[in-house]
Amino acid sequence: MPPSTDLHQDPAPVLVEIVRGAMVESRHRGAFAVVDAAGKIVRSAGAVDQPVFPRSAIKPLQALPLLETGAADKYGLGAEELALACASHHGEPVHVQKVSAWLCRIGMGEGDLECGAHLPTDVPSAQALIRGSQPPSQLHNNCSGKHTGFLCTAACLGEDHRGYIEAEHPVMRRVITAVGDMTGTDMARAPAGRDGCGIPVIGLTLQAMAQGMARMADPTGLHDERRAASTRILDAMAAHPLLVDGTGGLAVEVMLVAGDQVRLKPGAEGVFCAALPKLGLGLALKIEDGAGRAAEVAVAALLDRLGCFTDDQRMALHPFLLPKIKNVAGVEVGVMRPAAAFDF
């Protein structure tokens, strides 16, 4: 697939249009990169060489030390735990119960999580807590599975886990090193901040993020231990998409329908990453204004244009490829559609 031309010159081309009636009402700009394991850009639009905060979209990369330290094998972790380590879950009972059981397995509990508490993003689960006058706990945090994975590595290596979310803690040093290795990024020189769950967040270019995912999708160039870890993580995501995301989420639906082709991971502020094992590619996408609605339309369109869906799969995913806009009475009044950046 040859790269696009003019769209590359615009640092943030329009990726998604919101149409109401016969008029484009709103436009969402952004950029995306599709890259192979060697770092070659296969397809792109916008400024893919500018750093963005990847947020939760790179959790599969952050999960690598869970296997490479030997923690996964020491505690007998299966695909469910590995999927939760990559998750931005919705705080549904299945997520809470499985994270709690995992913590018990390593001799820890909810109080050891340093991710903070928030209501489930799954509305019925949040309503159930409110009706029962129960406050949310750290287990409901969408990152509780990832944090349990972090704690698991500390337990395995006999480290004091307190303060594990700080950049200088051994847990975070391992995570930051793994991400830097996979993305080819000098993490010490990259922009840094703090993520919503408290851990460091490091600015990565879309090209680097996509290459990191491509190296998981095509791990032939990795050393044996990392190659095996990458394969196990991606297999776990495909086997348990509900644990990676939540009921009704785009990542769940895409992996349920086309899990043999796509491992999809959303992040906050309009970021998505994906590994495409059959194509040996990775992708990264960022909506400039952070709109999640636009990010979902854009990444679905990109996956479709890359040939990740059969005709039957495309039909099953049609509500995500061309989402309808309805008013409060349920009447269709418009549509969200991919823009010209995806005309390839």
C-alpha atoms as a PDB file:
ATOM      1  CA  MET A   1       0.000   0.000   0.000  1.00  0.00           C
ATOM      2  CA  PRO A   2       1.612   3.305  -1.039  1.00  0.00           C
ATOM      3  CA  PRO A   3       1.491   6.190   1.425  1.00  0.00           C
ATOM      4  CA  SER A   4      -0.943   9.043   1.017  1.00  0.00           C
ATOM      5  CA  THR A   5       0.398  12.260  -0.478  1.00  0.00           C
ATOM      6  CA  ASP A   6      -1.203  15.638   0.201  1.00  0.00           C
ATOM      7  CA  LEU A   7      -2.707  14.564   3.506  1.00  0.00           C
ATOM      8  CA  HIS A   8       0.803  14.104   4.887  1.00  0.00           C
ATOM      9  CA  GLN A   9       1.471  17.814   4.529  1.00  0.00           C
ATOM     10  CA  ASP A  10      -1.346  18.769   6.899  1.00  0.00           C
ATOM     11  CA  PRO A  11      -0.197  18.171  10.505  1.00  0.00           C
ATOM     12  CA  ALA A  12      -3.780  17.480  11.592  1.00  0.00           C
ATOM     13  CA  PRO A  13      -6.109  16.665   8.697  1.00  0.00           C
ATOM     14  CA  VAL A  14      -9.815  16.223   9.260  1.00  0.00           C
ATOM     15  CA  LEU A  15     -10.375  12.562  10.093  1.00  0.00           C
ATOM     16  CA  VAL A  16     -14.052  12.531  11.098  1.00  0.00           C
ATOM     17  CA  GLU A  17     -17.067  14.628  10.127  1.00  0.00           C
ATOM     18  CA  ILE A  18     -20.287  15.010  12.098  1.00  0.00           C
ATOM     19  CA  VAL A  19     -23.184  15.469   9.714  1.00  0.00           C
ATOM     20  CA  ARG A  20     -26.597  16.785  10.731  1.00  0.00           C
ATOM     21  CA  GLY A  21     -29.169  17.024   7.974  1.00  0.00           C
ATOM     22  CA  ALA A  22     -27.297  17.945   4.808  1.00  0.00           C
ATOM     23  CA  MET A  23     -24.532  19.924   6.508  1.00  0.00           C
ATOM     24  CA  VAL A  24     -21.245  19.036   8.167  1.00  0.00           C
ATOM     25  CA  GLU A  25     -21.783  20.382  11.680  1.00  0.00           C
ATOM     26  CA  SER A  26     -18.435  19.504  13.279  1.00  0.00           C
ATOM     27  CA  ARG A  27     -15.029  18.231  12.250  1.00  0.00           C
ATOM     28  CA  HIS A  28     -12.417  16.318  14.233  1.00  0.00           C
ATOM     29  CA  ARG A  29      -8.781  16.559  13.204  1.00  0.00           C
ATOM     30  CA  GLY A  30      -5.995  14.159  14.003  1.00  0.00           C
ATOM     31  CA  ALA A  31      -3.249  11.916  12.721  1.00  0.00           C
ATOM     32  CA  PHE A  32      -2.526   8.219  12.318  1.00  0.00           C
ATOM     33  CA  ALA A  33       0.371   5.929  11.476  1.00  0.00           C
ATOM     34  CA  VAL A  34       0.416   2.351  10.235  1.00  0.00           C
ATOM     35  CA  VAL A  35       3.901   0.882  10.610  1.00  0.00           C
ATOM     36  CA  ASP A  36       5.665  -2.447  10.176  1.00  0.00           C
ATOM     37  CA  ALA A  37       7.967  -4.065  12.725  1.00  0.00           C
ATOM     38  CA  ALA A  38      11.034  -2.487  11.112  1.00  0.00           C
ATOM     39  CA  GLY A  39       9.571   0.985  11.603  1.00  0.00           C
ATOM     40  CA  LYS A  40       8.599   1.597   7.981  1.00  0.00           C
ATOM     41  CA  ILE A  41       5.469   3.706   7.569  1.00  0.00           C
ATOM     42  CA  VAL A  42       2.979   1.845   5.425  1.00  0.00           C
ATOM     43  CA  ARG A  43       0.213   4.430   5.650  1.00  0.00           C
ATOM     44  CA  SER A  44      -0.105   7.709   7.507  1.00  0.00           C
ATOM     45  CA  ALA A  45      -1.806  11.075   7.700  1.00  0.00           C
ATOM     46  CA  GLY A  46      -0.856  14.086   9.753  1.00  0.00           C
ATOM     47  CA  ALA A  47       2.106  14.722  12.021  1.00  0.00           C
ATOM     48  CA  VAL A  48       3.093  11.214  13.065  1.00  0.00           C
ATOM     49  CA  ASP A  49       6.509  12.384  14.272  1.00  0.00           C
ATOM     50  CA  GLN A  50       5.166  14.624  17.048  1.00  0.00           C
ATOM     51  CA  PRO A  51       4.880  13.185  20.578  1.00  0.00           C
ATOM     52  CA  VAL A  52       1.488  12.589  22.152  1.00  0.00           C
ATOM     53  CA  PHE A  53       0.616  10.994  25.458  1.00  0.00           C
ATOM     54  CA  PRO A  54      -0.466   7.435  24.581  1.00  0.00           C
ATOM     55  CA  ARG A  55      -2.486   7.001  27.775  1.00  0.00           C
ATOM     56  CA  SER A  56      -3.987   3.511  28.085  1.00  0.00           C
ATOM     57  CA  ALA A  57      -3.560   2.622  24.417  1.00  0.00           C
ATOM     58  CA  ILE A  58      -0.118   1.061  25.070  1.00  0.00           C
ATOM     59  CA  LYS A  59      -1.120  -1.169  27.966  1.00  0.00           C
ATOM     60  CA  PRO A  60      -0.145  -4.318  26.008  1.00  0.00           C
ATOM     61  CA  LEU A  61       3.424  -2.958  25.906  1.00  0.00           C
ATOM     62  CA  GLN A  62       3.296  -2.089  29.602  1.00  0.00           C
ATOM     63  CA  ALA A  63       2.258  -5.672  30.388  1.00  0.00           C
ATOM     64  CA  LEU A  64       5.444  -7.213  28.991  1.00  0.00           C
ATOM     65  CA  PRO A  65       7.348  -7.226  32.333  1.00  0.00           C
ATOM     66  CA  LEU A  66       4.531  -9.248  33.886  1.00  0.00           C
ATOM     67  CA  LEU A  67       5.733 -12.200  31.816  1.00  0.00           C
ATOM     68  CA  GLU A  68       9.400 -11.321  31.481  1.00  0.00           C
ATOM     69  CA  THR A  69       9.962 -11.182  35.253  1.00  0.00           C
ATOM     70  CA  GLY A  70       8.513 -14.675  35.601  1.00  0.00           C
ATOM     71  CA  ALA A  71       5.588 -13.335  37.652  1.00  0.00           C
ATOM     72  CA  ALA A  72       2.919 -14.716  35.324  1.00  0.00           C
ATOM     73  CA  ASP A  73       4.301 -18.238  35.588  1.00  0.00           C
ATOM     74  CA  LYS A  74       5.102 -18.039  39.300  1.00  0.00           C
ATOM     75  CA  TYR A  75       1.490 -17.189  40.138  1.00  0.00           C
ATOM     76  CA  GLY A  76      -0.066 -19.393  37.474  1.00  0.00           C
ATOM     77  CA  LEU A  77      -1.673 -16.561  35.556  1.00  0.00           C
ATOM     78  CA  GLY A  78      -3.870 -17.494  32.630  1.00  0.00           C
ATOM     79  CA  ALA A  79      -5.222 -15.597  29.663  1.00  0.00           C
ATOM     80  CA  GLU A  80      -7.862 -13.871  31.803  1.00  0.00           C
ATOM     81  CA  GLU A  81      -5.291 -12.180  34.029  1.00  0.00           C
ATOM     82  CA  LEU A  82      -3.142 -11.208  31.059  1.00  0.00           C
ATOM     83  CA  ALA A  83      -6.178  -9.649  29.366  1.00  0.00           C
ATOM     84  CA  LEU A  84      -6.945  -7.705  32.546  1.00  0.00           C
ATOM     85  CA  ALA A  85      -3.353  -6.458  32.639  1.00  0.00           C
ATOM     86  CA  CYS A  86      -4.069  -4.794  29.274  1.00  0.00           C
ATOM     87  CA  ALA A  87      -7.513  -3.590  30.253  1.00  0.00           C
ATOM     88  CA  SER A  88      -9.305  -0.296  30.474  1.00  0.00           C
ATOM     89  CA  HIS A  89     -12.293  -2.140  31.839  1.00  0.00           C
ATOM     90  CA  HIS A  90     -15.730  -0.759  32.653  1.00  0.00           C
ATOM     91  CA  GLY A  91     -15.891  -1.795  36.286  1.00  0.00           C
ATOM     92  CA  GLU A  92     -18.496  -4.496  35.724  1.00  0.00           C
ATOM     93  CA  PRO A  93     -18.875  -7.275  38.315  1.00  0.00           C
ATOM     94  CA  VAL A  94     -16.828  -9.688  36.183  1.00  0.00           C
ATOM     95  CA  HIS A  95     -13.912  -7.247  36.147  1.00  0.00           C
ATOM     96  CA  VAL A  96     -14.089  -6.481  39.856  1.00  0.00           C
ATOM     97  CA  GLN A  97     -14.349 -10.125  40.872  1.00  0.00           C
ATOM     98  CA  LYS A  98     -11.458 -11.300  38.715  1.00  0.00           C
ATOM     99  CA  VAL A  99      -9.133  -8.485  39.761  1.00  0.00           C
ATOM    100  CA  SER A 100      -9.982  -9.140  43.421  1.00  0.00           C
ATOM    101  CA  ALA A 101      -9.260 -12.849  43.025  1.00  0.00           C
ATOM    102  CA  TRP A 102      -5.947 -12.079  41.331  1.00  0.00           C
ATOM    103  CA  LEU A 103      -4.897  -9.785  44.180  1.00  0.00           C
ATOM    104  CA  CYS A 104      -5.710 -12.526  46.682  1.00  0.00           C
ATOM    105  CA  ARG A 105      -3.560 -14.931  44.722  1.00  0.00           C
ATOM    106  CA  ILE A 106      -0.493 -12.723  45.249  1.00  0.00           C
ATOM    107  CA  GLY A 107      -1.284 -12.058  48.900  1.00  0.00           C
ATOM    108  CA  MET A 108      -2.542  -8.520  48.417  1.00  0.00           C
ATOM    109  CA  GLY A 109      -5.834  -6.664  48.394  1.00  0.00           C
ATOM    110  CA  GLU A 110      -7.676  -3.614  47.177  1.00  0.00           C
ATOM    111  CA  GLY A 111      -5.801  -1.351  49.580  1.00  0.00           C
ATOM    112  CA  ASP A 112      -2.509  -2.103  47.847  1.00  0.00           C
ATOM    113  CA  LEU A 113      -3.733  -0.583  44.578  1.00  0.00           C
ATOM    114  CA  GLU A 114      -2.547   3.007  44.111  1.00  0.00           C
ATOM    115  CA  CYS A 115      -4.778   3.812  41.142  1.00  0.00           C
ATOM    116  CA  GLY A 116      -7.567   5.540  43.073  1.00  0.00           C
ATOM    117  CA  ALA A 117     -11.298   4.824  42.920  1.00  0.00           C
ATOM    118  CA  HIS A 118     -14.014   5.941  40.540  1.00  0.00           C
ATOM    119  CA  LEU A 119     -17.498   4.825  39.605  1.00  0.00           C
ATOM    120  CA  PRO A 120     -17.746   2.113  36.971  1.00  0.00           C
ATOM    121  CA  THR A 121     -18.024   3.469  33.454  1.00  0.00           C
ATOM    122  CA  ASP A 122     -20.588   0.733  32.846  1.00  0.00           C
ATOM    123  CA  VAL A 123     -23.836   2.555  33.647  1.00  0.00           C
ATOM    124  CA  PRO A 124     -25.793  -0.413  35.111  1.00  0.00           C
ATOM    125  CA  SER A 125     -22.839  -1.272  37.363  1.00  0.00           C
ATOM    126  CA  ALA A 126     -22.554   2.329  38.542  1.00  0.00           C
ATOM    127  CA  GLN A 127     -26.299   2.512  39.169  1.00  0.00           C
ATOM    128  CA  ALA A 128     -26.165  -0.700  41.211  1.00  0.00           C
ATOM    129  CA  LEU A 129     -23.505   0.798  43.489  1.00  0.00           C
ATOM    130  CA  ILE A 130     -25.485   3.995  43.911  1.00  0.00           C
ATOM    131  CA  ARG A 131     -28.717   2.129  44.681  1.00  0.00           C
ATOM    132  CA  GLY A 132     -26.874   0.087  47.275  1.00  0.00           C
ATOM    133  CA  SER A 133     -25.273   3.201  48.783  1.00  0.00           C
ATOM    134  CA  GLN A 134     -21.876   1.616  48.138  1.00  0.00           C
ATOM    135  CA  PRO A 135     -18.884   3.788  47.284  1.00  0.00           C
ATOM    136  CA  PRO A 136     -16.686   2.723  44.370  1.00  0.00           C
ATOM    137  CA  SER A 137     -13.351   1.140  45.215  1.00  0.00           C
ATOM    138  CA  GLN A 138      -9.985   0.897  43.536  1.00  0.00           C
ATOM    139  CA  LEU A 139     -11.201  -2.377  42.048  1.00  0.00           C
ATOM    140  CA  HIS A 140     -13.686  -0.387  39.943  1.00  0.00           C
ATOM    141  CA  ASN A 141     -10.907   1.759  38.502  1.00  0.00           C
ATOM    142  CA  ASN A 142     -10.580   0.965  34.818  1.00  0.00           C
ATOM    143  CA  CYS A 143      -6.828   0.429  35.327  1.00  0.00           C
ATOM    144  CA  SER A 144      -7.072  -1.928  38.309  1.00  0.00           C
ATOM    145  CA  GLY A 145      -6.021  -4.934  36.214  1.00  0.00           C
ATOM    146  CA  LYS A 146      -2.916  -3.184  34.939  1.00  0.00           C
ATOM    147  CA  HIS A 147      -2.013  -2.111  38.479  1.00  0.00           C
ATOM    148  CA  THR A 148      -2.511  -5.642  39.775  1.00  0.00           C
ATOM    149  CA  GLY A 149      -0.043  -6.754  37.117  1.00  0.00           C
ATOM    150  CA  PHE A 150       2.425  -4.187  38.404  1.00  0.00           C
ATOM    151  CA  LEU A 151       1.978  -5.430  41.978  1.00  0.00           C
ATOM    152  CA  CYS A 152       2.413  -8.983  40.754  1.00  0.00           C
ATOM    153  CA  THR A 153       5.909  -8.246  39.447  1.00  0.00           C
ATOM    154  CA  ALA A 154       6.908  -6.617  42.740  1.00  0.00           C
ATOM    155  CA  ALA A 155       5.622  -9.615  44.709  1.00  0.00           C
ATOM    156  CA  CYS A 156       7.451 -12.024  42.416  1.00  0.00           C
ATOM    157  CA  LEU A 157      10.773 -10.235  42.911  1.00  0.00           C
ATOM    158  CA  GLY A 158      10.337  -9.590  46.624  1.00  0.00           C
ATOM    159  CA  GLU A 159      10.250  -5.806  46.225  1.00  0.00           C
ATOM    160  CA  ASP A 160       8.546  -3.338  48.542  1.00  0.00           C
ATOM    161  CA  HIS A 161       5.518  -2.506  46.407  1.00  0.00           C
ATOM    162  CA  ARG A 162       4.668   0.757  48.139  1.00  0.00           C
ATOM    163  CA  GLY A 163       5.031   3.706  45.771  1.00  0.00           C
ATOM    164  CA  TYR A 164       5.112   1.409  42.732  1.00  0.00           C
ATOM    165  CA  ILE A 165       3.479   4.123  40.605  1.00  0.00           C
ATOM    166  CA  GLU A 166       6.500   6.432  40.924  1.00  0.00           C
ATOM    167  CA  ALA A 167       8.942   6.676  38.020  1.00  0.00           C
ATOM    168  CA  GLU A 168      11.965   5.617  40.093  1.00  0.00           C
ATOM    169  CA  HIS A 169      10.340   2.521  41.594  1.00  0.00           C
ATOM    170  CA  PRO A 170      11.719  -0.732  40.119  1.00  0.00           C
ATOM    171  CA  VAL A 171       8.231  -1.653  38.873  1.00  0.00           C
ATOM    172  CA  MET A 172       7.943   1.508  36.802  1.00  0.00           C
ATOM    173  CA  ARG A 173      11.552   1.395  35.655  1.00  0.00           C
ATOM    174  CA  ARG A 174      10.867  -2.015  34.116  1.00  0.00           C
ATOM    175  CA  VAL A 175       7.700  -0.784  32.424  1.00  0.00           C
ATOM    176  CA  ILE A 176       9.302   2.378  31.070  1.00  0.00           C
ATOM    177  CA  THR A 177      12.315   0.426  29.804  1.00  0.00           C
ATOM    178  CA  ALA A 178      10.130  -2.127  28.006  1.00  0.00           C
ATOM    179  CA  VAL A 179       8.066   0.585  26.309  1.00  0.00           C
ATOM    180  CA  GLY A 180      11.207   2.453  25.288  1.00  0.00           C
ATOM    181  CA  ASP A 181      12.783  -0.688  23.861  1.00  0.00           C
ATOM    182  CA  MET A 182       9.698  -1.640  21.866  1.00  0.00           C
ATOM    183  CA  THR A 183       9.071   1.839  20.476  1.00  0.00           C
ATOM    184  CA  GLY A 184      12.681   2.865  19.925  1.00  0.00           C
ATOM    185  CA  THR A 185      12.213   5.901  22.163  1.00  0.00           C
ATOM    186  CA  ASP A 186      14.712   7.569  24.467  1.00  0.00           C
ATOM    187  CA  MET A 187      12.345   7.708  27.423  1.00  0.00           C
ATOM    188  CA  ALA A 188      14.639   9.988  29.453  1.00  0.00           C
ATOM    189  CA  ARG A 189      14.373  12.721  26.827  1.00  0.00           C
ATOM    190  CA  ALA A 190      10.667  12.353  26.025  1.00  0.00           C
ATOM    191  CA  PRO A 191       7.936  14.621  27.441  1.00  0.00           C
ATOM    192  CA  ALA A 192       6.576  13.266  30.714  1.00  0.00           C
ATOM    193  CA  GLY A 193       3.474  13.681  32.853  1.00  0.00           C
ATOM    194  CA  ARG A 194       1.246  11.668  35.150  1.00  0.00           C
ATOM    195  CA  ASP A 195      -1.532   9.462  33.838  1.00  0.00           C
ATOM    196  CA  GLY A 196      -5.073   9.350  35.172  1.00  0.00           C
ATOM    197  CA  CYS A 197      -4.289   6.241  37.227  1.00  0.00           C
ATOM    198  CA  GLY A 198      -1.190   7.816  38.740  1.00  0.00           C
ATOM    199  CA  ILE A 199       1.656   6.192  36.813  1.00  0.00           C
ATOM    200  CA  PRO A 200       4.103   8.168  34.649  1.00  0.00           C
ATOM    201  CA  VAL A 201       2.926   8.876  31.110  1.00  0.00           C
ATOM    202  CA  ILE A 202       5.639   9.435  28.520  1.00  0.00           C
ATOM    203  CA  GLY A 203       5.133  11.246  25.215  1.00  0.00           C
ATOM    204  CA  LEU A 204       5.611   8.993  22.195  1.00  0.00           C
ATOM    205  CA  THR A 205       5.232   9.705  18.511  1.00  0.00           C
ATOM    206  CA  LEU A 206       2.451   7.916  16.669  1.00  0.00           C
ATOM    207  CA  GLN A 207       5.076   6.274  14.479  1.00  0.00           C
ATOM    208  CA  ALA A 208       6.881   4.917  17.559  1.00  0.00           C
ATOM    209  CA  MET A 209       3.661   3.702  19.177  1.00  0.00           C
ATOM    210  CA  ALA A 210       2.637   1.947  15.973  1.00  0.00           C
ATOM    211  CA  GLN A 211       6.047   0.301  15.662  1.00  0.00           C
ATOM    212  CA  GLY A 212       5.821  -0.971  19.225  1.00  0.00           C
ATOM    213  CA  MET A 213       2.499  -2.611  18.427  1.00  0.00           C
ATOM    214  CA  ALA A 214       3.849  -3.934  15.122  1.00  0.00           C
ATOM    215  CA  ARG A 215       6.722  -5.605  16.949  1.00  0.00           C
ATOM    216  CA  MET A 216       4.177  -7.407  19.110  1.00  0.00           C
ATOM    217  CA  ALA A 217       2.181  -8.358  15.996  1.00  0.00           C
ATOM    218  CA  ASP A 218       5.323  -9.587  14.217  1.00  0.00           C
ATOM    219  CA  PRO A 219       7.743 -10.525  17.018  1.00  0.00           C
ATOM    220  CA  THR A 220      10.204 -12.433  14.852  1.00  0.00           C
ATOM    221  CA  GLY A 221      12.936  -9.866  15.486  1.00  0.00           C
ATOM    222  CA  LEU A 222      12.571  -9.947  19.277  1.00  0.00           C
ATOM    223  CA  HIS A 223      14.554 -12.102  21.693  1.00  0.00           C
ATOM    224  CA  ASP A 224      12.900 -15.377  22.680  1.00  0.00           C
ATOM    225  CA  GLU A 225      11.514 -14.216  26.018  1.00  0.00           C
ATOM    226  CA  ARG A 226       9.931 -11.063  24.611  1.00  0.00           C
ATOM    227  CA  ARG A 227       8.644 -12.850  21.548  1.00  0.00           C
ATOM    228  CA  ALA A 228       6.845 -15.371  23.750  1.00  0.00           C
ATOM    229  CA  ALA A 229       5.509 -12.618  26.023  1.00  0.00           C
ATOM    230  CA  SER A 230       4.169 -10.626  23.081  1.00  0.00           C
ATOM    231  CA  THR A 231       2.381 -13.643  21.649  1.00  0.00           C
ATOM    232  CA  ARG A 232       0.810 -14.587  24.990  1.00  0.00           C
ATOM    233  CA  ILE A 233      -0.453 -11.060  25.588  1.00  0.00           C
ATOM    234  CA  LEU A 234      -2.023 -10.685  22.157  1.00  0.00           C
ATOM    235  CA  ASP A 235      -3.555 -14.173  22.372  1.00  0.00           C
ATOM    236  CA  ALA A 236      -5.071 -13.271  25.754  1.00  0.00           C
ATOM    237  CA  MET A 237      -6.621 -10.096  24.347  1.00  0.00           C
ATOM    238  CA  ALA A 238      -8.239 -12.047  21.534  1.00  0.00           C
ATOM    239  CA  ALA A 239      -9.489 -14.761  23.885  1.00  0.00           C
ATOM    240  CA  HIS A 240     -11.044 -12.371  26.420  1.00  0.00           C
ATOM    241  CA  PRO A 241     -12.027  -9.087  24.753  1.00  0.00           C
ATOM    242  CA  LEU A 242     -14.681  -8.330  27.384  1.00  0.00           C
ATOM    243  CA  LEU A 243     -11.976  -8.263  30.046  1.00  0.00           C
ATOM    244  CA  VAL A 244      -9.883  -5.851  27.953  1.00  0.00           C
ATOM    245  CA  ASP A 245     -12.720  -3.358  27.539  1.00  0.00           C
ATOM    246  CA  GLY A 246     -16.352  -3.749  28.601  1.00  0.00           C
ATOM    247  CA  THR A 247     -19.880  -4.411  27.427  1.00  0.00           C
ATOM    248  CA  GLY A 248     -20.658  -2.524  24.232  1.00  0.00           C
ATOM    249  CA  GLY A 249     -17.154  -1.117  23.816  1.00  0.00           C
ATOM    250  CA  LEU A 250     -15.670  -0.789  20.349  1.00  0.00           C
ATOM    251  CA  ALA A 251     -12.613  -2.869  21.239  1.00  0.00           C
ATOM    252  CA  VAL A 252     -14.836  -5.679  22.511  1.00  0.00           C
ATOM    253  CA  GLU A 253     -17.011  -5.695  19.412  1.00  0.00           C
ATOM    254  CA  VAL A 254     -14.097  -5.521  16.975  1.00  0.00           C
ATOM    255  CA  MET A 255     -12.201  -8.345  18.682  1.00  0.00           C
ATOM    256  CA  LEU A 256     -15.344 -10.485  19.018  1.00  0.00           C
ATOM    257  CA  VAL A 257     -15.996 -10.097  15.291  1.00  0.00           C
ATOM    258  CA  ALA A 258     -12.435  -9.967  13.921  1.00  0.00           C
ATOM    259  CA  GLY A 259     -10.195 -11.093  16.766  1.00  0.00           C
ATOM    260  CA  ASP A 260      -8.088 -13.202  14.428  1.00  0.00           C
ATOM    261  CA  GLN A 261      -7.063 -10.006  12.631  1.00  0.00           C
ATOM    262  CA  VAL A 262      -7.110  -7.232  15.226  1.00  0.00           C
ATOM    263  CA  ARG A 263      -6.010  -6.610  18.807  1.00  0.00           C
ATOM    264  CA  LEU A 264      -7.438  -3.190  19.618  1.00  0.00           C
ATOM    265  CA  LYS A 265      -6.730  -0.956  22.599  1.00  0.00           C
ATOM    266  CA  PRO A 266      -8.258   2.461  23.318  1.00  0.00           C
ATOM    267  CA  GLY A 267      -6.784   5.204  25.449  1.00  0.00           C
ATOM    268  CA  ALA A 268      -8.078   8.458  26.878  1.00  0.00           C
ATOM    269  CA  GLU A 269      -8.060  11.720  24.910  1.00  0.00           C
ATOM    270  CA  GLY A 270      -8.841  10.172  21.542  1.00  0.00           C
ATOM    271  CA  VAL A 271      -5.970   7.671  21.262  1.00  0.00           C
ATOM    272  CA  PHE A 272      -6.109   4.157  19.828  1.00  0.00           C
ATOM    273  CA  CYS A 273      -3.461   1.527  19.149  1.00  0.00           C
ATOM    274  CA  ALA A 274      -3.802  -1.832  17.470  1.00  0.00           C
ATOM    275  CA  ALA A 275      -1.692  -4.842  16.585  1.00  0.00           C
ATOM    276  CA  LEU A 276      -2.543  -6.633  13.351  1.00  0.00           C
ATOM    277  CA  PRO A 277      -0.868 -10.057  13.566  1.00  0.00           C
ATOM    278  CA  LYS A 278      -1.850 -11.373  10.137  1.00  0.00           C
ATOM    279  CA  LEU A 279      -0.540  -8.233   8.443  1.00  0.00           C
ATOM    280  CA  GLY A 280       2.464  -7.843  10.725  1.00  0.00           C
ATOM    281  CA  LEU A 281       1.535  -4.208  11.301  1.00  0.00           C
ATOM    282  CA  GLY A 282       0.788  -1.855  14.153  1.00  0.00           C
ATOM    283  CA  LEU A 283      -1.240   1.332  14.140  1.00  0.00           C
ATOM    284  CA  ALA A 284      -1.613   4.375  16.336  1.00  0.00           C
ATOM    285  CA  LEU A 285      -4.160   7.156  16.044  1.00  0.00           C
ATOM    286  CA  LYS A 286      -4.800  10.403  17.890  1.00  0.00           C
ATOM    287  CA  ILE A 287      -7.741  12.794  17.589  1.00  0.00           C
ATOM    288  CA  GLU A 288      -6.399  16.272  18.212  1.00  0.00           C
ATOM    289  CA  ASP A 289      -9.282  17.495  20.388  1.00  0.00           C
ATOM    290  CA  GLY A 290      -9.384  14.265  22.398  1.00  0.00           C
ATOM    291  CA  ALA A 291     -12.902  13.278  21.319  1.00  0.00           C
ATOM    292  CA  GLY A 292     -13.544   9.600  21.923  1.00  0.00           C
ATOM    293  CA  ARG A 293     -16.492   9.529  19.529  1.00  0.00           C
ATOM    294  CA  ALA A 294     -14.251  10.599  16.679  1.00  0.00           C
ATOM    295  CA  ALA A 295     -11.434   8.232  17.650  1.00  0.00           C
ATOM    296  CA  GLU A 296     -13.785   5.256  17.432  1.00  0.00           C
ATOM    297  CA  VAL A 297     -15.044   6.208  13.972  1.00  0.00           C
ATOM    298  CA  ALA A 298     -11.514   6.929  12.766  1.00  0.00           C
ATOM    299  CA  VAL A 299      -9.922   3.705  13.977  1.00  0.00           C
ATOM    300  CA  ALA A 300     -12.819   1.612  12.681  1.00  0.00           C
ATOM    301  CA  ALA A 301     -12.446   3.273   9.279  1.00  0.00           C
ATOM    302  CA  LEU A 302      -8.690   2.726   9.290  1.00  0.00           C
ATOM    303  CA  LEU A 303      -9.022  -0.955  10.133  1.00  0.00           C
ATOM    304  CA  ASP A 304     -11.630  -1.333   7.412  1.00  0.00           C
ATOM    305  CA  ARG A 305      -9.462   0.364   4.772  1.00  0.00           C
ATOM    306  CA  LEU A 306      -6.538  -1.864   5.746  1.00  0.00           C
ATOM    307  CA  GLY A 307      -8.631  -4.923   4.859  1.00  0.00           C
ATOM    308  CA  CYS A 308      -9.068  -6.223   8.395  1.00  0.00           C
ATOM    309  CA  PHE A 309     -12.752  -7.068   7.935  1.00  0.00           C
ATOM    310  CA  THR A 310     -14.564  -9.450   5.629  1.00  0.00           C
ATOM    311  CA  ASP A 311     -17.852  -8.373   4.100  1.00  0.00           C
ATOM    312  CA  ASP A 312     -19.780 -10.201   6.820  1.00  0.00           C
ATOM    313  CA  GLN A 313     -17.632  -8.661   9.536  1.00  0.00           C
ATOM    314  CA  ARG A 314     -18.055  -5.219   8.027  1.00  0.00           C
ATOM    315  CA  MET A 315     -21.805  -5.680   8.122  1.00  0.00           C
ATOM    316  CA  ALA A 316     -21.676  -6.760  11.769  1.00  0.00           C
ATOM    317  CA  LEU A 317     -19.575  -3.701  12.626  1.00  0.00           C
ATOM    318  CA  HIS A 318     -21.586  -1.250  10.519  1.00  0.00           C
ATOM    319  CA  PRO A 319     -22.974   0.613  13.574  1.00  0.00           C
ATOM    320  CA  PHE A 320     -19.380   1.491  14.492  1.00  0.00           C
ATOM    321  CA  LEU A 321     -18.216   2.248  10.960  1.00  0.00           C
ATOM    322  CA  LEU A 322     -20.990   4.765  10.295  1.00  0.00           C
ATOM    323  CA  PRO A 323     -22.612   5.606  13.660  1.00  0.00           C
ATOM    324  CA  LYS A 324     -26.006   7.265  13.565  1.00  0.00           C
ATOM    325  CA  ILE A 325     -26.785  10.358  15.579  1.00  0.00           C
ATOM    326  CA  LYS A 326     -30.176  10.295  17.259  1.00  0.00           C
ATOM    327  CA  ASN A 327     -32.001  12.948  19.227  1.00  0.00           C
ATOM    328  CA  VAL A 328     -33.469  12.388  22.676  1.00  0.00           C
ATOM    329  CA  ALA A 329     -36.646  10.986  21.129  1.00  0.00           C
ATOM    330  CA  GLY A 330     -34.637   8.337  19.304  1.00  0.00           C
ATOM    331  CA  VAL A 331     -35.065   9.907  15.870  1.00  0.00           C
ATOM    332  CA  GLU A 332     -32.094   9.695  13.523  1.00  0.00           C
ATOM    333  CA  VAL A 333     -30.844  13.218  12.810  1.00  0.00           C
ATOM    334  CA  GLY A 334     -27.344  12.703  11.471  1.00  0.00           C
ATOM    335  CA  VAL A 335     -24.295  10.512  11.141  1.00  0.00           C
ATOM    336  CA  MET A 336     -20.608  10.384  12.064  1.00  0.00           C
ATOM    337  CA  ARG A 337     -18.455   9.512   9.081  1.00  0.00           C
ATOM    338  CA  PRO A 338     -14.768   9.146   8.207  1.00  0.00           C
ATOM    339  CA  ALA A 339     -13.344  11.999   6.151  1.00  0.00           C
ATOM    340  CA  ALA A 340     -11.158  12.013   3.037  1.00  0.00           C
ATOM    341  CA  ALA A 341      -8.039  10.987   4.975  1.00  0.00           C
ATOM    342  CA  PHE A 342      -9.306   7.407   4.721  1.00  0.00           C
ATOM    343  CA  ASP A 343      -9.919   7.419   0.962  1.00  0.00           C
ATOM    344  CA  PHE A 344      -7.304   4.824   0.051  1.00  0.00           C
END
